[in-house]
N, C-alpha and C. Protein backbone atom coordinates (compact mmCIF):
# COMPACT_ATOMS: atom_id res chain seq x y z
N MET A 1 -158.19 -95.62 43.72
CA MET A 1 -159.39 -96.44 43.67
C MET A 1 -160.61 -95.54 43.63
N ASN A 2 -161.64 -95.94 42.86
CA ASN A 2 -162.84 -95.14 42.73
C ASN A 2 -163.87 -95.49 43.80
N GLY A 3 -163.47 -95.46 45.06
CA GLY A 3 -164.43 -95.57 46.14
C GLY A 3 -164.69 -96.98 46.63
N GLU A 4 -165.32 -97.09 47.80
CA GLU A 4 -165.72 -98.35 48.39
C GLU A 4 -167.20 -98.28 48.68
N VAL A 5 -167.89 -99.41 48.58
CA VAL A 5 -169.33 -99.45 48.73
C VAL A 5 -169.69 -100.52 49.74
N GLU A 6 -170.69 -100.26 50.57
CA GLU A 6 -171.12 -101.25 51.55
C GLU A 6 -171.60 -102.51 50.85
N ALA A 7 -171.12 -103.67 51.29
CA ALA A 7 -171.51 -104.92 50.66
C ALA A 7 -172.38 -105.78 51.55
N GLY A 8 -172.33 -105.60 52.88
CA GLY A 8 -173.18 -106.40 53.75
C GLY A 8 -172.53 -106.63 55.09
N ASP A 9 -173.30 -107.08 56.07
CA ASP A 9 -172.77 -107.35 57.39
C ASP A 9 -172.00 -108.65 57.41
N LEU A 10 -170.81 -108.61 58.03
CA LEU A 10 -170.06 -109.84 58.24
C LEU A 10 -170.48 -110.50 59.54
N SER A 11 -170.83 -109.70 60.52
CA SER A 11 -171.34 -110.20 61.79
C SER A 11 -172.07 -109.05 62.44
N ALA A 12 -172.69 -109.31 63.57
CA ALA A 12 -173.51 -108.29 64.21
C ALA A 12 -172.70 -107.02 64.46
N GLY A 13 -173.24 -105.92 63.97
CA GLY A 13 -172.61 -104.63 64.23
C GLY A 13 -171.44 -104.31 63.35
N GLU A 14 -171.09 -105.20 62.40
CA GLU A 14 -169.96 -104.93 61.53
C GLU A 14 -170.42 -104.90 60.08
N ALA A 15 -169.92 -103.93 59.33
CA ALA A 15 -170.26 -103.85 57.91
C ALA A 15 -169.03 -104.17 57.08
N SER A 16 -169.21 -104.98 56.05
CA SER A 16 -168.13 -105.28 55.13
C SER A 16 -168.22 -104.32 53.95
N THR A 17 -167.10 -103.89 53.44
CA THR A 17 -167.08 -103.09 52.23
C THR A 17 -166.19 -103.78 51.23
N PHE A 18 -166.43 -103.48 49.95
CA PHE A 18 -165.55 -104.01 48.94
C PHE A 18 -164.85 -102.86 48.26
N GLY A 19 -163.68 -103.12 47.75
CA GLY A 19 -162.94 -102.12 46.99
C GLY A 19 -162.65 -102.65 45.60
N LEU A 20 -162.69 -101.76 44.62
CA LEU A 20 -162.35 -102.09 43.24
C LEU A 20 -161.48 -101.00 42.67
N LEU A 21 -160.48 -101.39 41.91
CA LEU A 21 -159.70 -100.43 41.14
C LEU A 21 -160.26 -100.38 39.73
N THR A 22 -160.67 -99.19 39.30
CA THR A 22 -161.20 -99.04 37.94
C THR A 22 -160.40 -97.95 37.22
N PRO A 23 -160.38 -97.98 35.89
CA PRO A 23 -159.69 -96.93 35.14
C PRO A 23 -160.21 -95.55 35.52
N GLY A 24 -159.33 -94.55 35.45
CA GLY A 24 -159.69 -93.21 35.89
C GLY A 24 -160.86 -92.59 35.15
N ASP A 25 -161.10 -93.00 33.90
CA ASP A 25 -162.19 -92.44 33.12
C ASP A 25 -163.49 -93.21 33.25
N TRP A 26 -163.55 -94.14 34.18
CA TRP A 26 -164.81 -94.80 34.47
C TRP A 26 -165.54 -93.97 35.53
N TYR A 27 -166.75 -93.56 35.22
CA TYR A 27 -167.51 -92.68 36.11
C TYR A 27 -168.39 -93.53 37.03
N ARG A 28 -168.34 -93.23 38.31
CA ARG A 28 -169.04 -94.01 39.34
C ARG A 28 -170.38 -93.38 39.69
N VAL A 29 -171.45 -94.19 39.59
CA VAL A 29 -172.81 -93.73 39.93
C VAL A 29 -173.34 -94.61 41.07
N PRO A 30 -173.40 -94.10 42.29
CA PRO A 30 -174.02 -94.88 43.37
C PRO A 30 -175.51 -95.01 43.08
N LEU A 31 -176.06 -96.19 43.29
CA LEU A 31 -177.46 -96.43 42.94
C LEU A 31 -178.41 -96.28 44.12
N GLN A 32 -177.90 -96.22 45.31
CA GLN A 32 -178.71 -96.01 46.50
C GLN A 32 -177.99 -95.03 47.42
N PRO A 33 -178.72 -94.10 48.04
CA PRO A 33 -180.16 -93.83 47.93
C PRO A 33 -180.50 -93.08 46.64
N ASP A 34 -181.80 -92.80 46.46
CA ASP A 34 -182.25 -92.15 45.23
C ASP A 34 -181.56 -90.81 45.00
N GLU A 35 -181.40 -90.04 46.08
CA GLU A 35 -180.82 -88.70 45.94
C GLU A 35 -179.39 -88.77 45.42
N ALA A 36 -178.62 -89.75 45.89
CA ALA A 36 -177.23 -89.89 45.45
C ALA A 36 -177.19 -90.30 43.98
N ARG A 37 -178.08 -91.21 43.58
CA ARG A 37 -178.13 -91.67 42.18
C ARG A 37 -178.46 -90.51 41.25
N GLN A 38 -179.48 -89.74 41.59
CA GLN A 38 -179.90 -88.63 40.74
C GLN A 38 -178.84 -87.55 40.67
N ALA A 39 -178.19 -87.26 41.80
CA ALA A 39 -177.15 -86.24 41.81
C ALA A 39 -175.95 -86.66 40.97
N ALA A 40 -175.58 -87.95 41.03
CA ALA A 40 -174.45 -88.44 40.25
C ALA A 40 -174.73 -88.37 38.75
N VAL A 41 -175.96 -88.72 38.35
CA VAL A 41 -176.33 -88.64 36.94
C VAL A 41 -176.31 -87.20 36.46
N ARG A 42 -176.85 -86.29 37.25
CA ARG A 42 -176.84 -84.87 36.86
C ARG A 42 -175.41 -84.37 36.70
N ALA A 43 -174.52 -84.76 37.62
CA ALA A 43 -173.13 -84.33 37.54
C ALA A 43 -172.45 -84.91 36.30
N LEU A 44 -172.77 -86.16 35.97
CA LEU A 44 -172.18 -86.78 34.79
C LEU A 44 -172.63 -86.07 33.52
N VAL A 45 -173.92 -85.77 33.41
CA VAL A 45 -174.44 -85.08 32.23
C VAL A 45 -173.83 -83.68 32.13
N LYS A 46 -173.70 -83.02 33.26
CA LYS A 46 -173.09 -81.69 33.25
C LYS A 46 -171.66 -81.76 32.75
N ARG A 47 -170.92 -82.80 33.17
CA ARG A 47 -169.54 -82.95 32.71
C ARG A 47 -169.47 -83.24 31.22
N GLN A 48 -170.35 -84.12 30.76
CA GLN A 48 -170.31 -84.51 29.35
C GLN A 48 -170.74 -83.39 28.42
N PHE A 49 -171.56 -82.47 28.92
CA PHE A 49 -172.04 -81.36 28.09
C PHE A 49 -171.35 -80.05 28.45
N ALA A 50 -170.22 -80.13 29.16
CA ALA A 50 -169.49 -78.92 29.53
C ALA A 50 -169.12 -78.13 28.27
N GLY A 51 -169.46 -76.84 28.26
CA GLY A 51 -169.14 -75.99 27.11
C GLY A 51 -170.15 -76.07 26.00
N VAL A 52 -171.18 -76.90 26.16
CA VAL A 52 -172.22 -77.03 25.13
C VAL A 52 -173.53 -76.48 25.71
N ASP A 53 -173.89 -75.29 25.28
CA ASP A 53 -175.07 -74.62 25.84
C ASP A 53 -176.27 -74.60 24.90
N ASP A 54 -176.07 -75.12 23.68
CA ASP A 54 -177.14 -75.00 22.68
C ASP A 54 -177.82 -76.33 22.38
N GLN A 55 -177.70 -77.30 23.30
CA GLN A 55 -178.31 -78.61 23.09
C GLN A 55 -179.17 -79.02 24.30
N PRO A 56 -180.12 -78.17 24.72
CA PRO A 56 -180.90 -78.52 25.93
C PRO A 56 -181.75 -79.77 25.75
N VAL A 57 -182.30 -79.99 24.55
CA VAL A 57 -183.13 -81.17 24.33
C VAL A 57 -182.28 -82.44 24.40
N LEU A 58 -181.12 -82.41 23.74
CA LEU A 58 -180.22 -83.56 23.78
C LEU A 58 -179.73 -83.82 25.19
N ARG A 59 -179.48 -82.75 25.92
CA ARG A 59 -179.01 -82.91 27.30
C ARG A 59 -180.07 -83.56 28.18
N ARG A 60 -181.32 -83.10 28.04
CA ARG A 60 -182.40 -83.69 28.83
C ARG A 60 -182.62 -85.15 28.45
N LYS A 61 -182.49 -85.46 27.16
CA LYS A 61 -182.65 -86.84 26.71
C LYS A 61 -181.55 -87.73 27.29
N ALA A 62 -180.31 -87.22 27.28
CA ALA A 62 -179.19 -87.99 27.83
C ALA A 62 -179.40 -88.24 29.32
N GLU A 63 -179.86 -87.22 30.04
CA GLU A 63 -180.08 -87.38 31.47
C GLU A 63 -181.19 -88.41 31.74
N ALA A 64 -182.27 -88.35 30.95
CA ALA A 64 -183.37 -89.30 31.14
C ALA A 64 -182.92 -90.73 30.86
N GLU A 65 -182.11 -90.91 29.82
CA GLU A 65 -181.63 -92.25 29.48
C GLU A 65 -180.71 -92.79 30.56
N LEU A 66 -179.81 -91.94 31.07
CA LEU A 66 -178.89 -92.39 32.11
C LEU A 66 -179.64 -92.71 33.40
N LEU A 67 -180.65 -91.89 33.73
CA LEU A 67 -181.45 -92.17 34.92
C LEU A 67 -182.18 -93.51 34.76
N GLY A 68 -182.65 -93.79 33.54
CA GLY A 68 -183.31 -95.05 33.29
C GLY A 68 -182.37 -96.23 33.46
N VAL A 69 -181.15 -96.10 32.95
CA VAL A 69 -180.15 -97.17 33.09
C VAL A 69 -179.83 -97.39 34.57
N ALA A 70 -179.64 -96.28 35.30
CA ALA A 70 -179.31 -96.39 36.72
C ALA A 70 -180.46 -97.00 37.52
N GLU A 71 -181.68 -96.60 37.20
CA GLU A 71 -182.83 -97.15 37.91
C GLU A 71 -182.99 -98.64 37.62
N ALA A 72 -182.76 -99.05 36.37
CA ALA A 72 -182.83 -100.47 36.03
C ALA A 72 -181.78 -101.25 36.80
N GLY A 73 -180.59 -100.69 36.95
CA GLY A 73 -179.55 -101.35 37.73
C GLY A 73 -179.94 -101.50 39.19
N ARG A 74 -180.55 -100.46 39.75
CA ARG A 74 -180.99 -100.53 41.15
C ARG A 74 -182.04 -101.62 41.33
N GLU A 75 -182.95 -101.75 40.37
CA GLU A 75 -184.01 -102.75 40.47
C GLU A 75 -183.45 -104.17 40.39
N GLN A 76 -182.25 -104.32 39.83
CA GLN A 76 -181.60 -105.63 39.76
C GLN A 76 -180.76 -105.92 41.01
N GLY A 77 -180.89 -105.07 42.02
CA GLY A 77 -180.10 -105.25 43.23
C GLY A 77 -178.77 -104.55 43.17
N GLY A 78 -178.59 -103.68 42.17
CA GLY A 78 -177.33 -102.98 42.02
C GLY A 78 -177.07 -101.99 43.13
N VAL A 79 -175.81 -101.87 43.52
CA VAL A 79 -175.41 -100.88 44.51
C VAL A 79 -174.57 -99.77 43.90
N VAL A 80 -173.90 -100.07 42.79
CA VAL A 80 -173.10 -99.03 42.14
C VAL A 80 -172.95 -99.39 40.66
N LEU A 81 -172.92 -98.36 39.82
CA LEU A 81 -172.77 -98.53 38.38
C LEU A 81 -171.57 -97.70 37.94
N TYR A 82 -170.72 -98.30 37.12
CA TYR A 82 -169.59 -97.59 36.53
C TYR A 82 -169.82 -97.50 35.02
N LEU A 83 -169.55 -96.32 34.45
CA LEU A 83 -169.68 -96.10 33.02
C LEU A 83 -168.34 -95.64 32.47
N SER A 84 -167.91 -96.25 31.38
CA SER A 84 -166.59 -95.97 30.81
C SER A 84 -166.67 -94.86 29.77
N PHE A 85 -165.72 -93.91 29.87
CA PHE A 85 -165.57 -92.87 28.87
C PHE A 85 -164.15 -92.85 28.34
N LEU A 86 -163.52 -94.03 28.34
CA LEU A 86 -162.18 -94.17 27.80
C LEU A 86 -162.20 -93.99 26.28
N GLU A 87 -161.08 -93.50 25.75
CA GLU A 87 -160.90 -93.41 24.31
C GLU A 87 -159.52 -93.92 23.94
N ALA A 88 -159.43 -94.52 22.75
CA ALA A 88 -158.14 -94.94 22.21
C ALA A 88 -158.11 -94.53 20.74
N ALA A 89 -157.14 -93.72 20.39
CA ALA A 89 -157.01 -93.21 19.01
C ALA A 89 -158.31 -92.56 18.55
N GLY A 90 -158.96 -91.85 19.49
CA GLY A 90 -160.19 -91.16 19.15
C GLY A 90 -161.43 -92.02 19.12
N ILE A 91 -161.30 -93.32 19.42
CA ILE A 91 -162.44 -94.24 19.40
C ILE A 91 -162.97 -94.42 20.82
N PRO A 92 -164.25 -94.11 21.07
CA PRO A 92 -164.79 -94.32 22.41
C PRO A 92 -164.85 -95.81 22.75
N LEU A 93 -164.33 -96.17 23.90
CA LEU A 93 -164.35 -97.57 24.35
C LEU A 93 -165.50 -97.73 25.35
N SER A 94 -166.70 -97.81 24.82
CA SER A 94 -167.88 -97.86 25.67
C SER A 94 -167.92 -99.15 26.48
N ALA A 95 -168.24 -99.01 27.76
CA ALA A 95 -168.35 -100.17 28.64
C ALA A 95 -169.09 -99.75 29.91
N SER A 96 -169.60 -100.73 30.61
CA SER A 96 -170.24 -100.47 31.89
C SER A 96 -169.95 -101.61 32.85
N LEU A 97 -170.08 -101.32 34.12
CA LEU A 97 -169.95 -102.32 35.17
C LEU A 97 -171.04 -102.07 36.20
N LEU A 98 -171.88 -103.07 36.40
CA LEU A 98 -172.91 -103.03 37.43
C LEU A 98 -172.51 -103.96 38.56
N VAL A 99 -172.41 -103.42 39.77
CA VAL A 99 -172.10 -104.22 40.95
C VAL A 99 -173.40 -104.43 41.73
N SER A 100 -173.76 -105.70 41.93
CA SER A 100 -175.04 -106.03 42.56
C SER A 100 -174.85 -107.03 43.68
N ARG A 101 -175.90 -107.17 44.49
CA ARG A 101 -175.94 -108.19 45.54
C ARG A 101 -177.08 -109.14 45.26
N LEU A 102 -176.80 -110.42 45.25
CA LEU A 102 -177.83 -111.45 45.17
C LEU A 102 -178.03 -112.02 46.57
N ARG A 103 -179.23 -111.94 47.08
CA ARG A 103 -179.51 -112.46 48.42
C ARG A 103 -179.84 -113.95 48.33
N GLU A 104 -178.84 -114.70 47.88
CA GLU A 104 -178.97 -116.15 47.76
C GLU A 104 -177.73 -116.79 48.35
N ARG A 105 -177.88 -118.02 48.77
CA ARG A 105 -176.73 -118.74 49.30
C ARG A 105 -176.27 -119.78 48.29
N PHE A 106 -175.14 -119.53 47.68
CA PHE A 106 -174.47 -120.57 46.89
C PHE A 106 -173.02 -120.17 46.72
N ASP A 107 -172.18 -121.20 46.66
CA ASP A 107 -170.77 -120.92 46.47
C ASP A 107 -170.49 -120.90 44.97
N SER A 108 -169.23 -120.70 44.62
CA SER A 108 -168.88 -120.56 43.21
C SER A 108 -169.14 -121.85 42.42
N LEU A 109 -169.01 -123.00 43.06
CA LEU A 109 -169.31 -124.26 42.38
C LEU A 109 -170.80 -124.36 42.05
N ASP A 110 -171.65 -123.94 42.99
CA ASP A 110 -173.08 -123.92 42.73
C ASP A 110 -173.41 -123.01 41.56
N ALA A 111 -172.74 -121.85 41.54
CA ALA A 111 -172.99 -120.89 40.48
C ALA A 111 -172.61 -121.46 39.12
N VAL A 112 -171.47 -122.14 39.05
CA VAL A 112 -171.04 -122.74 37.78
C VAL A 112 -172.08 -123.76 37.31
N ALA A 113 -172.57 -124.56 38.22
CA ALA A 113 -173.56 -125.58 37.85
C ALA A 113 -174.85 -124.94 37.34
N SER A 114 -175.29 -123.87 38.01
CA SER A 114 -176.55 -123.25 37.64
C SER A 114 -176.44 -122.47 36.33
N LEU A 115 -175.23 -122.02 35.98
CA LEU A 115 -175.03 -121.22 34.77
C LEU A 115 -174.64 -122.06 33.57
N ALA A 116 -174.41 -123.34 33.77
CA ALA A 116 -173.94 -124.21 32.68
C ALA A 116 -174.87 -124.14 31.48
N GLY A 117 -174.28 -124.05 30.30
CA GLY A 117 -175.07 -124.01 29.08
C GLY A 117 -175.53 -122.63 28.67
N SER A 118 -175.14 -121.60 29.42
CA SER A 118 -175.59 -120.24 29.11
C SER A 118 -174.42 -119.32 28.80
N GLY A 119 -173.39 -119.86 28.17
CA GLY A 119 -172.21 -119.08 27.84
C GLY A 119 -170.96 -119.84 28.26
N GLU A 120 -169.82 -119.16 28.20
CA GLU A 120 -168.56 -119.75 28.66
C GLU A 120 -168.49 -119.60 30.18
N VAL A 121 -168.61 -120.69 30.90
CA VAL A 121 -168.70 -120.65 32.36
C VAL A 121 -167.55 -121.44 32.96
N GLY A 122 -166.96 -120.90 34.03
CA GLY A 122 -165.88 -121.60 34.71
C GLY A 122 -165.56 -120.98 36.04
N LEU A 123 -164.64 -121.60 36.76
CA LEU A 123 -164.16 -121.07 38.04
C LEU A 123 -162.90 -120.27 37.83
N VAL A 124 -162.78 -119.18 38.58
CA VAL A 124 -161.56 -118.38 38.57
C VAL A 124 -161.18 -118.09 40.02
N GLU A 125 -159.92 -117.75 40.21
CA GLU A 125 -159.42 -117.36 41.53
C GLU A 125 -159.05 -115.89 41.48
N LEU A 126 -159.82 -115.06 42.19
CA LEU A 126 -159.52 -113.64 42.25
C LEU A 126 -158.45 -113.43 43.33
N PRO A 127 -157.38 -112.68 43.03
CA PRO A 127 -156.21 -112.62 43.92
C PRO A 127 -156.54 -112.31 45.37
N ALA A 128 -157.45 -111.35 45.62
CA ALA A 128 -157.73 -110.95 47.00
C ALA A 128 -159.10 -111.41 47.49
N ALA A 129 -160.03 -111.69 46.57
CA ALA A 129 -161.41 -112.01 46.97
C ALA A 129 -161.70 -113.50 46.97
N GLY A 130 -160.80 -114.31 46.42
CA GLY A 130 -161.00 -115.75 46.45
C GLY A 130 -161.68 -116.29 45.22
N ARG A 131 -162.23 -117.49 45.35
CA ARG A 131 -162.78 -118.21 44.21
C ARG A 131 -164.12 -117.61 43.79
N ALA A 132 -164.35 -117.56 42.48
CA ALA A 132 -165.58 -116.99 41.94
C ALA A 132 -165.97 -117.76 40.68
N ALA A 133 -167.25 -117.66 40.34
CA ALA A 133 -167.72 -118.18 39.06
C ALA A 133 -167.66 -117.04 38.04
N ARG A 134 -167.28 -117.39 36.81
CA ARG A 134 -167.17 -116.38 35.75
C ARG A 134 -167.94 -116.88 34.52
N ARG A 135 -168.72 -115.98 33.92
CA ARG A 135 -169.44 -116.32 32.70
C ARG A 135 -169.23 -115.22 31.66
N ARG A 136 -168.94 -115.65 30.43
CA ARG A 136 -168.86 -114.73 29.30
C ARG A 136 -169.93 -115.14 28.28
N ARG A 137 -170.67 -114.15 27.79
CA ARG A 137 -171.72 -114.47 26.82
C ARG A 137 -171.99 -113.27 25.90
N GLN A 138 -172.67 -113.53 24.81
CA GLN A 138 -173.09 -112.49 23.88
C GLN A 138 -174.58 -112.26 24.07
N VAL A 139 -174.99 -111.00 24.12
CA VAL A 139 -176.38 -110.65 24.41
C VAL A 139 -176.85 -109.60 23.40
N ARG A 140 -178.00 -109.83 22.84
CA ARG A 140 -178.63 -108.84 21.97
C ARG A 140 -179.59 -108.03 22.83
N THR A 141 -179.19 -106.85 23.27
CA THR A 141 -179.98 -106.07 24.21
C THR A 141 -181.01 -105.19 23.48
N ARG A 142 -181.95 -104.70 24.25
CA ARG A 142 -182.95 -103.79 23.70
C ARG A 142 -182.30 -102.53 23.14
N GLN A 143 -181.27 -102.05 23.85
CA GLN A 143 -180.61 -100.83 23.40
C GLN A 143 -179.87 -101.04 22.09
N THR A 144 -179.19 -102.16 21.94
CA THR A 144 -178.47 -102.40 20.69
C THR A 144 -179.45 -102.55 19.53
N ARG A 145 -180.59 -103.17 19.79
CA ARG A 145 -181.61 -103.26 18.74
C ARG A 145 -182.15 -101.88 18.39
N ARG A 146 -182.38 -101.05 19.41
CA ARG A 146 -182.93 -99.71 19.17
C ARG A 146 -181.96 -98.86 18.38
N LEU A 147 -180.67 -99.02 18.65
CA LEU A 147 -179.66 -98.23 17.95
C LEU A 147 -179.33 -98.80 16.57
N GLY A 148 -179.88 -99.97 16.27
CA GLY A 148 -179.63 -100.57 14.97
C GLY A 148 -178.23 -101.14 14.82
N SER A 149 -177.58 -101.46 15.94
CA SER A 149 -176.23 -101.99 15.88
C SER A 149 -176.24 -103.40 15.31
N GLU A 150 -175.22 -103.70 14.50
CA GLU A 150 -175.11 -105.06 13.95
C GLU A 150 -174.42 -106.01 14.91
N PHE A 151 -173.92 -105.50 16.03
CA PHE A 151 -173.16 -106.31 16.97
C PHE A 151 -173.96 -106.62 18.22
N ASP A 152 -173.67 -107.77 18.83
CA ASP A 152 -174.20 -108.09 20.15
C ASP A 152 -173.31 -107.46 21.21
N ASP A 153 -173.88 -107.29 22.40
CA ASP A 153 -173.07 -106.88 23.55
C ASP A 153 -172.28 -108.08 24.06
N THR A 154 -171.05 -107.84 24.48
CA THR A 154 -170.27 -108.86 25.16
C THR A 154 -170.39 -108.61 26.66
N VAL A 155 -170.85 -109.62 27.39
CA VAL A 155 -171.10 -109.50 28.83
C VAL A 155 -170.22 -110.50 29.56
N VAL A 156 -169.53 -110.01 30.59
CA VAL A 156 -168.73 -110.87 31.46
C VAL A 156 -169.21 -110.67 32.90
N GLU A 157 -169.59 -111.76 33.54
CA GLU A 157 -170.11 -111.69 34.90
C GLU A 157 -169.24 -112.50 35.86
N PHE A 158 -169.07 -111.96 37.06
CA PHE A 158 -168.37 -112.67 38.14
C PHE A 158 -169.35 -112.79 39.30
N PHE A 159 -169.43 -113.99 39.87
CA PHE A 159 -170.29 -114.27 41.02
C PHE A 159 -169.38 -114.63 42.19
N VAL A 160 -169.33 -113.75 43.19
CA VAL A 160 -168.36 -113.89 44.28
C VAL A 160 -169.10 -113.98 45.62
N PRO A 161 -168.99 -115.09 46.36
CA PRO A 161 -169.64 -115.19 47.66
C PRO A 161 -169.14 -114.09 48.60
N ILE A 162 -170.07 -113.43 49.30
CA ILE A 162 -169.69 -112.41 50.28
C ILE A 162 -169.34 -113.12 51.59
N PRO A 163 -168.16 -112.87 52.13
CA PRO A 163 -167.73 -113.57 53.35
C PRO A 163 -168.73 -113.42 54.49
N GLY A 164 -169.08 -114.54 55.10
CA GLY A 164 -169.93 -114.52 56.28
C GLY A 164 -171.39 -114.23 56.02
N ARG A 165 -171.81 -114.20 54.75
CA ARG A 165 -173.20 -113.89 54.44
C ARG A 165 -173.77 -114.91 53.46
N ASP A 166 -175.06 -115.09 53.49
CA ASP A 166 -175.73 -115.91 52.49
C ASP A 166 -176.08 -115.01 51.30
N GLU A 167 -175.07 -114.39 50.75
CA GLU A 167 -175.24 -113.45 49.65
C GLU A 167 -174.08 -113.58 48.68
N VAL A 168 -174.30 -113.10 47.47
CA VAL A 168 -173.28 -113.13 46.43
C VAL A 168 -173.14 -111.74 45.83
N LEU A 169 -171.92 -111.31 45.66
CA LEU A 169 -171.66 -110.06 44.95
C LEU A 169 -171.45 -110.39 43.48
N THR A 170 -172.14 -109.69 42.61
CA THR A 170 -171.98 -109.92 41.18
C THR A 170 -171.39 -108.69 40.51
N LEU A 171 -170.43 -108.93 39.64
CA LEU A 171 -169.84 -107.88 38.82
C LEU A 171 -170.26 -108.17 37.38
N THR A 172 -171.04 -107.29 36.79
CA THR A 172 -171.52 -107.50 35.43
C THR A 172 -170.92 -106.43 34.51
N PHE A 173 -169.95 -106.85 33.72
CA PHE A 173 -169.30 -105.97 32.76
C PHE A 173 -169.98 -106.13 31.40
N SER A 174 -170.08 -105.04 30.64
CA SER A 174 -170.71 -105.12 29.33
C SER A 174 -170.08 -104.11 28.39
N THR A 175 -169.94 -104.50 27.12
CA THR A 175 -169.47 -103.59 26.09
C THR A 175 -170.17 -103.93 24.77
N PRO A 176 -170.54 -102.91 23.98
CA PRO A 176 -171.15 -103.16 22.68
C PRO A 176 -170.11 -103.31 21.57
N LEU A 177 -168.84 -103.23 21.92
CA LEU A 177 -167.77 -103.22 20.92
C LEU A 177 -167.31 -104.63 20.60
N GLU A 178 -168.14 -105.38 19.90
CA GLU A 178 -167.81 -106.78 19.61
C GLU A 178 -166.48 -106.95 18.87
N PRO A 179 -166.12 -106.05 17.92
CA PRO A 179 -164.82 -106.23 17.25
C PRO A 179 -163.63 -106.09 18.19
N LEU A 180 -163.82 -105.39 19.33
CA LEU A 180 -162.75 -105.22 20.31
C LEU A 180 -163.02 -106.03 21.58
N ALA A 181 -163.91 -107.01 21.47
CA ALA A 181 -164.39 -107.71 22.66
C ALA A 181 -163.27 -108.36 23.46
N ASP A 182 -162.35 -109.04 22.79
CA ASP A 182 -161.30 -109.75 23.54
C ASP A 182 -160.44 -108.79 24.35
N ALA A 183 -160.10 -107.64 23.75
CA ALA A 183 -159.30 -106.65 24.47
C ALA A 183 -160.08 -106.07 25.65
N MET A 184 -161.37 -105.82 25.45
CA MET A 184 -162.19 -105.28 26.54
C MET A 184 -162.36 -106.31 27.64
N VAL A 185 -162.48 -107.59 27.27
CA VAL A 185 -162.62 -108.64 28.28
C VAL A 185 -161.36 -108.74 29.12
N GLU A 186 -160.20 -108.56 28.51
CA GLU A 186 -158.96 -108.54 29.29
C GLU A 186 -158.99 -107.43 30.33
N LEU A 187 -159.52 -106.27 29.95
CA LEU A 187 -159.65 -105.16 30.90
C LEU A 187 -160.63 -105.53 32.00
N PHE A 188 -161.77 -106.13 31.64
CA PHE A 188 -162.76 -106.52 32.64
C PHE A 188 -162.16 -107.50 33.65
N ASP A 189 -161.43 -108.48 33.15
CA ASP A 189 -160.80 -109.46 34.04
C ASP A 189 -159.81 -108.79 34.99
N ALA A 190 -159.08 -107.80 34.46
CA ALA A 190 -158.11 -107.09 35.30
C ALA A 190 -158.80 -106.31 36.41
N VAL A 191 -159.91 -105.65 36.08
CA VAL A 191 -160.66 -104.90 37.10
C VAL A 191 -161.22 -105.86 38.14
N ALA A 192 -161.83 -106.96 37.71
CA ALA A 192 -162.38 -107.94 38.65
C ALA A 192 -161.29 -108.47 39.58
N GLY A 193 -160.08 -108.59 39.05
CA GLY A 193 -158.97 -109.11 39.85
C GLY A 193 -158.55 -108.20 40.99
N THR A 194 -159.03 -106.94 40.99
CA THR A 194 -158.69 -106.02 42.08
C THR A 194 -159.71 -106.06 43.22
N LEU A 195 -160.80 -106.84 43.05
CA LEU A 195 -161.82 -106.90 44.10
C LEU A 195 -161.22 -107.39 45.40
N ARG A 196 -161.54 -106.72 46.47
CA ARG A 196 -161.06 -107.14 47.79
C ARG A 196 -162.10 -106.79 48.83
N TRP A 197 -162.09 -107.53 49.91
CA TRP A 197 -163.00 -107.29 51.03
C TRP A 197 -162.28 -106.51 52.11
N ARG A 198 -162.99 -105.63 52.76
CA ARG A 198 -162.42 -104.86 53.86
C ARG A 198 -163.40 -104.84 55.01
N ARG A 199 -162.85 -104.83 56.22
CA ARG A 199 -163.67 -104.65 57.41
C ARG A 199 -163.48 -103.23 57.94
N PRO A 200 -164.39 -102.80 58.82
CA PRO A 200 -164.22 -101.47 59.40
C PRO A 200 -162.88 -101.34 60.12
N ALA A 201 -162.42 -100.11 60.27
CA ALA A 201 -161.16 -99.86 60.96
C ALA A 201 -161.18 -100.50 62.34
N GLY A 202 -160.12 -101.23 62.65
CA GLY A 202 -160.02 -101.88 63.96
C GLY A 202 -160.49 -103.31 63.97
N ALA A 203 -161.22 -103.71 62.91
CA ALA A 203 -161.67 -105.11 62.85
C ALA A 203 -160.61 -105.95 62.17
N GLU A 204 -160.58 -107.24 62.50
CA GLU A 204 -159.62 -108.13 61.90
C GLU A 204 -159.91 -108.30 60.42
N GLU A 205 -158.90 -108.24 59.59
CA GLU A 205 -159.08 -108.36 58.15
C GLU A 205 -159.63 -109.74 57.80
N ASP A 206 -160.61 -109.75 56.88
CA ASP A 206 -161.18 -111.01 56.45
C ASP A 206 -160.40 -111.55 55.26
N ARG A 207 -160.12 -112.84 55.25
CA ARG A 207 -159.40 -113.46 54.15
C ARG A 207 -160.26 -114.59 53.58
N THR A 208 -160.46 -114.58 52.26
CA THR A 208 -161.36 -115.56 51.67
C THR A 208 -160.63 -116.51 50.72
N ALA A 209 -159.36 -116.25 50.43
CA ALA A 209 -158.65 -117.09 49.46
C ALA A 209 -158.47 -118.49 49.99
C-alpha cells in the first residue's frame, strides 16, 4: 500500500486514517504541510529526469507545473495527490487521483441527489468503506485546451462519508485518455474499492458497511 493519510477525528483524542491500495507506479504527493508537498514534487522531478542533465529549462518548467497542480489540489481541500506513470506497450497511461475532505454533512444519498444531472451518478458499495456516491463525467479542462488535445478528460469521483464526522472523503480520479477511458475507469473503480478506515493502534476497529 502507498501509505496512509490522516482523514479526521472519530472522537476526542482519536484520529482516523484511511488506506488505499494503488498501482506501484502511482507516485504519492502529500499536499500538507507545504514542506512535504514541495519535497515530494522535487523528488518526483528528480526521478523523472534521472540521467538527463542537459534539460534544465524543461526540468524547471516541469517542477513549476507539478507544484501548481499540487497547490491547486491543496486549495480544493486535498490531502494527497497520486500521479500515474504506468505504461502499457510503451504507451503512457496518464492518470491522477486527488483525495480531499469536504467539511459538509451529507450521506451518500444526499450526494446522489445533489449531483443528479451532472454526469452518470449512482450509489455503490465499497467493500471495506461502505456506501458511497459515484459520479462519472467528461470534462474539458484548461490543461487539455492548452495542450490542444481533441479529447475530454474522463473524471470519476467517489463521495464517502467519514465515520463519526460531519465530513466527506472524496476520491477524484482523472485521465485524458478518452479512447482508453473504460479500461482506466475499471482501474479507478478497483482502487476505490480498496478504501478502508483505520483507527489508531489499540482502538476498536470502525466498521461502516
